[in-house]
Amino acid sequence: MKVWKSPGVIGVTVLVAIILIVPTLIVIPFIGKYDAAVEVGNVSKQPLVQNEAEGPAVEVVVHRAKTKQQESVPLEDYVSRVVASEMPADFELEALKAQSLAARTYIIKHLLNGDALPSGADVTDTVEHQVYKNDKELRSLWGSDYEWKMEKIQQAVAATKGEVLTFEGEPITAAFFSTSNGETENAEDYWETPYPYLTSVSSPWDESSPKYHDQKVFTRAQIEERLGVQVTDSQPAFSEPVKTSTNRIKTVKVAGKDFTGRGIREALELQSADFTVVEKNGHYIFQTKGYGHGVGMSQYGANGMAQEGKTYDEIVSHFYQGTDVLQVSDFLPKLTASKE
């Protein structure tokens, strides 16, 4: 039996359908855009609106050495740019994650200490604190490689977002450097102050680093000028070396004057305090192993561990002994107080 419906009934039915369905079609594509992180490729893009439970955003004020200007940067952007400036982007992702955690820990501890610069900035953009280049500088430096390098680094930073390395509930001194001589240095042998989480550990992966070996040659006049000594033929120029447990020079006499290995390294701009000296035809040949002060995480060691399948938490646990991970949010009250 054929049922006929009046145009009025059909019109009402269509109108109801439009009222119920069309708003749903409009809303569905946008559900979740503001209440959850959205995965785009391999990089987690954070919500456009900050969750109030996360507390106030942390900003880092950077003093730019060249321009003498200050840049105020959100914490995670600052961490991304430090990682981009301090570690090669072609390193393994897990090594970049470990560097992200170290860089974030460093700046959080610094902010908590309240050691503002005379300019009012929190940190410099140099090795005095952490090397920092802004987005414009990184684009200029990397050129056509910018997109993949920055995406990879942001992925590493996002994977560790908000994480801070701690010891007994406080952020650690997250020291890091390029390349060890096969072992990292005890903190007290470099800074004279012991840190229980900065003790010597093996790092055999560093031998593959292009910075593992280096050589520099100085004339007698250069040695005298840089070290403020008078070298004579009546006594050895370098004598009585005392080494640390990791084979780095702890102390040595130069023309009868006492120096630390660190002092020699800095004055002569050597790559490492693990050095030997050979005198030949009035010249002094320094051969070094490693690159950097040697305390904390070796970057090439971290990359070597990552190449062997180690995760970033395994990497930081190796180089920073006995540490735990807390969140930036755990320190927000103190951070707020230190900024006041």
Protein backbone atom coordinates (compact mmCIF):
# COMPACT_ATOMS: atom_id res chain seq x y z
CA MET A 1 0.00 0.00 0.00
CA LYS A 2 1.47 3.33 -1.03
CA VAL A 3 1.60 5.97 1.69
CA TRP A 4 1.53 9.56 0.61
CA LYS A 5 3.07 12.28 2.84
CA SER A 6 2.15 15.90 2.56
CA PRO A 7 4.80 18.49 1.58
CA GLY A 8 4.36 20.05 4.99
CA VAL A 9 5.38 16.88 6.80
CA ILE A 10 8.40 16.39 4.51
CA GLY A 11 9.50 19.98 5.05
CA VAL A 12 9.32 19.64 8.82
CA THR A 13 11.29 16.37 8.67
CA VAL A 14 14.06 17.93 6.54
CA LEU A 15 14.22 20.98 8.79
CA VAL A 16 14.62 18.83 11.91
CA ALA A 17 17.40 16.83 10.20
CA ILE A 18 19.24 20.03 9.30
CA ILE A 19 18.97 21.35 12.87
CA LEU A 20 20.32 18.10 14.36
CA ILE A 21 22.95 17.06 11.82
CA VAL A 22 24.57 20.22 10.46
CA PRO A 23 25.88 21.54 13.81
CA THR A 24 27.38 18.11 14.44
CA LEU A 25 29.20 18.22 11.09
CA ILE A 26 30.54 21.64 11.96
CA VAL A 27 31.73 20.68 15.46
CA ILE A 28 33.19 17.20 14.88
CA PRO A 29 36.38 18.26 12.99
CA PHE A 30 37.32 20.58 15.85
CA ILE A 31 36.62 18.33 18.83
CA GLY A 32 39.80 17.94 20.88
CA LYS A 33 41.67 20.79 19.22
CA TYR A 34 41.94 22.72 22.44
CA ASP A 35 41.78 19.99 25.09
CA ALA A 36 44.52 17.57 24.05
CA ALA A 37 47.92 17.42 22.40
CA VAL A 38 47.61 16.76 18.68
CA GLU A 39 50.13 14.52 16.91
CA VAL A 40 51.37 16.05 13.64
CA GLY A 41 53.92 13.80 11.99
CA ASN A 42 56.28 12.77 14.77
CA VAL A 43 56.11 16.05 16.68
CA SER A 44 53.55 16.56 19.42
CA LYS A 45 51.89 19.96 19.02
CA GLN A 46 50.68 21.30 22.35
CA PRO A 47 47.24 22.82 23.04
CA LEU A 48 46.73 26.40 21.90
CA VAL A 49 45.19 27.24 25.27
CA GLN A 50 47.27 26.46 28.35
CA ASN A 51 45.63 24.23 30.93
CA GLU A 52 45.18 26.29 34.09
CA ALA A 53 46.32 23.33 36.19
CA GLU A 54 49.80 23.66 34.65
CA GLY A 55 50.28 27.01 36.34
CA PRO A 56 51.98 30.07 34.89
CA ALA A 57 54.25 29.66 31.89
CA VAL A 58 58.00 29.80 32.58
CA GLU A 59 59.91 32.40 30.56
CA VAL A 60 63.68 32.63 30.15
CA VAL A 61 65.25 36.03 29.51
CA VAL A 62 68.40 35.64 27.40
CA HIS A 63 71.07 38.32 27.08
CA ARG A 64 72.30 38.34 23.47
CA ALA A 65 76.05 38.91 23.55
CA LYS A 66 76.34 40.48 20.09
CA THR A 67 73.33 42.80 20.10
CA LYS A 68 73.32 43.52 23.87
CA GLN A 69 69.55 43.01 23.73
CA GLN A 70 67.34 40.73 25.82
CA GLU A 71 65.06 38.03 24.43
CA SER A 72 62.23 36.59 26.51
CA VAL A 73 61.60 32.99 25.44
CA PRO A 74 59.11 30.33 26.66
CA LEU A 75 60.95 27.57 28.51
CA GLU A 76 60.43 24.76 26.00
CA ASP A 77 61.40 27.02 23.07
CA TYR A 78 64.54 27.96 24.96
CA VAL A 79 65.37 24.29 25.53
CA SER A 80 64.83 23.48 21.83
CA ARG A 81 67.17 26.25 20.73
CA VAL A 82 69.84 25.30 23.27
CA VAL A 83 69.75 21.68 22.08
CA ALA A 84 69.97 22.93 18.48
CA SER A 85 73.00 25.03 19.43
CA GLU A 86 74.76 22.52 21.68
CA MET A 87 74.35 19.11 19.98
CA PRO A 88 74.46 18.04 16.31
CA ALA A 89 70.94 17.45 15.00
CA ASP A 90 72.08 14.30 13.21
CA PHE A 91 72.77 12.62 16.56
CA GLU A 92 70.43 9.82 17.59
CA LEU A 93 67.00 10.88 18.83
CA GLU A 94 67.57 9.36 22.29
CA ALA A 95 70.79 11.34 22.66
CA LEU A 96 68.91 14.53 21.73
CA LYS A 97 66.30 13.66 24.37
CA ALA A 98 69.05 13.26 26.98
CA GLN A 99 70.46 16.64 25.95
CA SER A 100 66.98 18.18 26.22
CA LEU A 101 66.66 16.92 29.77
CA ALA A 102 70.11 18.20 30.70
CA ALA A 103 69.47 21.63 29.14
CA ARG A 104 66.10 22.04 30.87
CA THR A 105 67.53 20.93 34.20
CA TYR A 106 70.40 23.39 33.88
CA ILE A 107 68.17 26.40 33.29
CA ILE A 108 65.62 25.47 35.97
CA LYS A 109 68.38 25.16 38.58
CA HIS A 110 69.82 28.48 37.43
CA LEU A 111 66.42 30.20 37.64
CA LEU A 112 65.83 28.79 41.11
CA ASN A 113 69.16 30.19 42.27
CA GLY A 114 67.96 33.64 41.23
CA ASP A 115 71.34 34.59 39.75
CA ALA A 116 70.11 37.33 37.42
CA LEU A 117 72.66 39.22 35.33
CA PRO A 118 73.30 42.97 35.77
CA SER A 119 71.30 43.49 32.56
CA GLY A 120 68.30 41.87 34.21
CA ALA A 121 68.49 38.79 31.98
CA ASP A 122 68.56 35.29 33.42
CA VAL A 123 71.38 33.90 31.27
CA THR A 124 73.75 34.72 28.44
CA ASP A 125 73.70 32.96 25.07
CA THR A 126 77.31 31.75 25.43
CA VAL A 127 79.21 28.87 27.01
CA GLU A 128 79.17 30.89 30.23
CA HIS A 129 75.72 29.35 30.61
CA GLN A 130 74.31 27.49 27.59
CA VAL A 131 74.81 28.33 23.93
CA TYR A 132 71.57 29.74 22.48
CA LYS A 133 70.71 30.75 18.93
CA ASN A 134 67.25 32.06 18.06
CA ASP A 135 65.07 30.78 15.24
CA LYS A 136 66.33 33.33 12.70
CA GLU A 137 69.94 32.42 13.42
CA LEU A 138 69.26 28.69 13.16
CA ARG A 139 67.50 29.15 9.82
CA SER A 140 70.51 31.06 8.54
CA LEU A 141 72.93 28.47 9.92
CA TRP A 142 71.12 25.38 8.61
CA GLY A 143 69.63 26.69 5.38
CA SER A 144 67.66 24.00 3.56
CA ASP A 145 68.27 21.55 6.42
CA TYR A 146 66.38 23.71 8.90
CA GLU A 147 63.01 21.96 8.67
CA TRP A 148 64.16 18.38 9.33
CA LYS A 149 66.70 19.38 11.94
CA MET A 150 64.31 21.51 13.95
CA GLU A 151 61.50 18.97 13.66
CA LYS A 152 63.78 16.26 15.04
CA ILE A 153 64.96 18.45 17.91
CA GLN A 154 61.43 19.55 18.77
CA GLN A 155 60.39 15.91 18.81
CA ALA A 156 63.15 15.18 21.34
CA VAL A 157 62.21 18.16 23.50
CA ALA A 158 58.48 17.32 23.38
CA ALA A 159 59.23 13.74 24.49
CA THR A 160 60.84 15.11 27.67
CA LYS A 161 58.54 18.10 28.17
CA GLY A 162 58.68 19.46 31.70
CA GLU A 163 61.13 16.84 32.97
CA VAL A 164 63.91 17.87 35.35
CA LEU A 165 66.77 15.75 36.70
CA THR A 166 66.94 15.87 40.48
CA PHE A 167 68.96 14.56 43.40
CA GLU A 168 67.29 14.44 46.81
CA GLY A 169 64.41 16.49 45.43
CA GLU A 170 66.42 19.35 43.96
CA PRO A 171 67.52 20.03 40.35
CA ILE A 172 71.07 18.90 39.72
CA THR A 173 74.01 20.71 38.17
CA ALA A 174 73.50 19.07 34.79
CA ALA A 175 77.01 19.53 33.41
CA PHE A 176 77.72 18.21 29.93
CA PHE A 177 80.57 18.37 27.44
CA SER A 178 81.55 17.06 24.02
CA THR A 179 83.93 14.10 24.32
CA SER A 180 85.60 12.23 27.18
CA ASN A 181 88.95 10.46 27.19
CA GLY A 182 87.13 7.21 27.86
CA GLU A 183 85.98 8.22 31.34
CA THR A 184 84.12 11.21 32.73
CA GLU A 185 85.75 13.27 35.48
CA ASN A 186 84.84 13.47 39.15
CA ALA A 187 83.36 16.90 39.87
CA GLU A 188 85.77 17.57 42.73
CA ASP A 189 88.76 17.08 40.44
CA TYR A 190 87.54 19.95 38.27
CA TRP A 191 85.54 22.26 40.55
CA GLU A 192 87.01 21.13 43.89
CA THR A 193 83.43 20.58 45.10
CA PRO A 194 82.08 17.00 45.09
CA TYR A 195 78.64 16.21 43.72
CA PRO A 196 77.46 12.65 44.41
CA TYR A 197 75.76 12.41 41.01
CA LEU A 198 78.82 13.72 39.11
CA THR A 199 81.23 10.86 39.67
CA SER A 200 83.49 9.25 37.12
CA VAL A 201 81.89 6.66 34.82
CA SER A 202 83.23 4.87 31.78
CA SER A 203 82.42 6.22 28.32
CA PRO A 204 84.19 4.04 25.74
CA TRP A 205 81.92 5.26 22.93
CA ASP A 206 83.87 8.53 22.78
CA GLU A 207 86.79 6.94 20.97
CA SER A 208 84.78 7.24 17.73
CA SER A 209 84.38 11.00 18.22
CA PRO A 210 86.22 13.19 15.68
CA LYS A 211 87.29 15.27 18.70
CA TYR A 212 88.85 12.39 20.62
CA HIS A 213 92.45 13.28 19.60
CA ASP A 214 93.98 16.70 19.06
CA GLN A 215 97.43 18.28 18.87
CA LYS A 216 98.69 21.83 19.36
CA VAL A 217 102.20 23.22 19.08
CA PHE A 218 103.55 26.25 20.98
CA THR A 219 106.85 28.08 20.90
CA ARG A 220 108.75 28.81 24.10
CA ALA A 221 107.77 32.46 23.81
CA GLN A 222 104.08 31.54 23.57
CA ILE A 223 104.30 29.33 26.66
CA GLU A 224 106.00 32.11 28.60
CA GLU A 225 103.47 34.71 27.54
CA ARG A 226 100.34 32.66 28.13
CA LEU A 227 101.43 31.13 31.43
CA GLY A 228 103.43 34.04 32.79
CA VAL A 229 106.61 32.03 33.36
CA GLN A 230 110.26 32.22 32.39
CA VAL A 231 111.46 29.00 30.79
CA THR A 232 115.21 28.28 31.12
CA ASP A 233 117.48 25.49 29.99
CA SER A 234 118.48 24.74 33.59
CA GLN A 235 115.22 22.93 34.42
CA PRO A 236 112.47 21.07 32.56
CA ALA A 237 109.72 23.32 31.28
CA PHE A 238 107.06 20.83 32.45
CA SER A 239 107.65 18.58 35.44
CA GLU A 240 106.08 16.68 38.36
CA PRO A 241 102.66 16.01 36.80
CA VAL A 242 100.01 14.67 39.15
CA LYS A 243 97.04 13.01 37.49
CA THR A 244 93.45 12.46 38.54
CA SER A 245 91.99 8.96 38.63
CA THR A 246 90.80 9.50 35.05
CA ASN A 247 94.28 10.32 33.69
CA ARG A 248 93.68 14.06 33.38
CA ILE A 249 96.36 16.43 34.70
CA LYS A 250 95.48 17.59 38.20
CA THR A 251 98.62 19.65 38.87
CA VAL A 252 101.93 20.23 37.08
CA LYS A 253 104.94 22.50 37.43
CA VAL A 254 105.81 24.81 34.55
CA ALA A 255 109.25 26.39 34.88
CA GLY A 256 109.04 25.64 38.59
CA LYS A 257 105.60 27.30 39.02
CA ASP A 258 102.55 25.30 40.12
CA PHE A 259 99.55 25.03 37.79
CA THR A 260 96.35 23.00 37.71
CA GLY A 261 95.57 20.96 34.63
CA ARG A 262 92.43 23.04 34.24
CA GLY A 263 94.50 26.24 34.37
CA ILE A 264 96.85 24.96 31.66
CA ARG A 265 93.96 23.85 29.49
CA GLU A 266 92.22 27.22 29.71
CA ALA A 267 95.37 29.32 29.25
CA LEU A 268 96.51 27.36 26.22
CA GLU A 269 92.98 26.64 24.94
CA LEU A 270 93.60 22.91 24.86
CA GLN A 271 90.68 20.59 24.13
CA SER A 272 91.22 18.59 27.32
CA ALA A 273 93.17 18.39 30.57
CA ASP A 274 94.27 14.90 29.53
CA PHE A 275 97.45 15.99 27.80
CA THR A 276 101.07 15.04 27.27
CA VAL A 277 103.87 17.44 26.35
CA VAL A 278 106.90 16.76 24.20
CA GLU A 279 109.61 19.37 23.64
CA LYS A 280 111.21 19.34 20.19
CA ASN A 281 113.45 21.98 18.59
CA GLY A 282 112.27 24.74 20.90
CA HIS A 283 108.61 23.86 20.44
CA TYR A 284 106.17 22.19 22.84
CA ILE A 285 103.82 19.64 21.32
CA PHE A 286 100.63 19.02 23.30
CA GLN A 287 98.59 15.92 22.51
CA THR A 288 95.15 15.68 24.10
CA LYS A 289 92.40 13.12 24.51
CA GLY A 290 88.80 14.25 24.72
CA TYR A 291 87.15 17.63 24.36
CA GLY A 292 85.70 19.60 27.26
CA HIS A 293 85.92 19.68 31.04
CA GLY A 294 84.90 16.05 31.30
CA VAL A 295 82.27 16.40 34.05
CA GLY A 296 78.75 15.02 33.63
CA MET A 297 77.30 13.79 30.36
CA SER A 298 79.54 13.19 27.37
CA GLN A 299 77.57 14.10 24.26
CA TYR A 300 79.41 11.65 22.04
CA GLY A 301 79.09 9.06 24.78
CA ALA A 302 75.34 9.68 24.88
CA ASN A 303 75.14 9.27 21.12
CA GLY A 304 77.14 6.04 21.29
CA MET A 305 74.79 4.66 23.92
CA ALA A 306 71.79 5.63 21.79
CA GLN A 307 73.33 3.86 18.78
CA GLU A 308 73.45 0.72 20.90
CA GLY A 309 69.73 1.00 21.62
CA LYS A 310 69.82 2.71 25.02
CA THR A 311 66.96 5.08 25.87
CA TYR A 312 67.42 8.62 27.08
CA ASP A 313 66.54 7.73 30.66
CA GLU A 314 69.20 5.01 30.59
CA ILE A 315 71.68 7.54 29.21
CA VAL A 316 71.09 10.17 31.89
CA SER A 317 71.06 7.51 34.62
CA HIS A 318 74.52 6.43 33.47
CA PHE A 319 76.10 9.87 33.38
CA TYR A 320 74.19 11.38 36.32
CA GLN A 321 74.38 8.67 38.95
CA GLY A 322 71.51 8.26 41.45
CA THR A 323 69.26 10.93 39.96
CA ASP A 324 65.47 11.00 39.67
CA VAL A 325 63.09 12.87 37.37
CA LEU A 326 60.57 15.43 38.61
CA GLN A 327 58.43 17.96 36.75
CA VAL A 328 58.93 21.70 36.28
CA SER A 329 55.49 22.12 37.86
CA ASP A 330 56.95 20.76 41.11
CA PHE A 331 59.17 23.86 41.29
CA LEU A 332 56.73 26.54 40.11
CA PRO A 333 56.17 28.10 43.57
CA LYS A 334 59.93 28.52 44.03
CA LEU A 335 60.40 29.73 40.46
CA THR A 336 57.70 32.35 40.94
CA ALA A 337 59.30 33.48 44.20
CA SER A 338 62.76 33.73 42.63
CA LYS A 339 61.39 36.04 39.91
CA GLU A 340 59.83 38.46 42.41
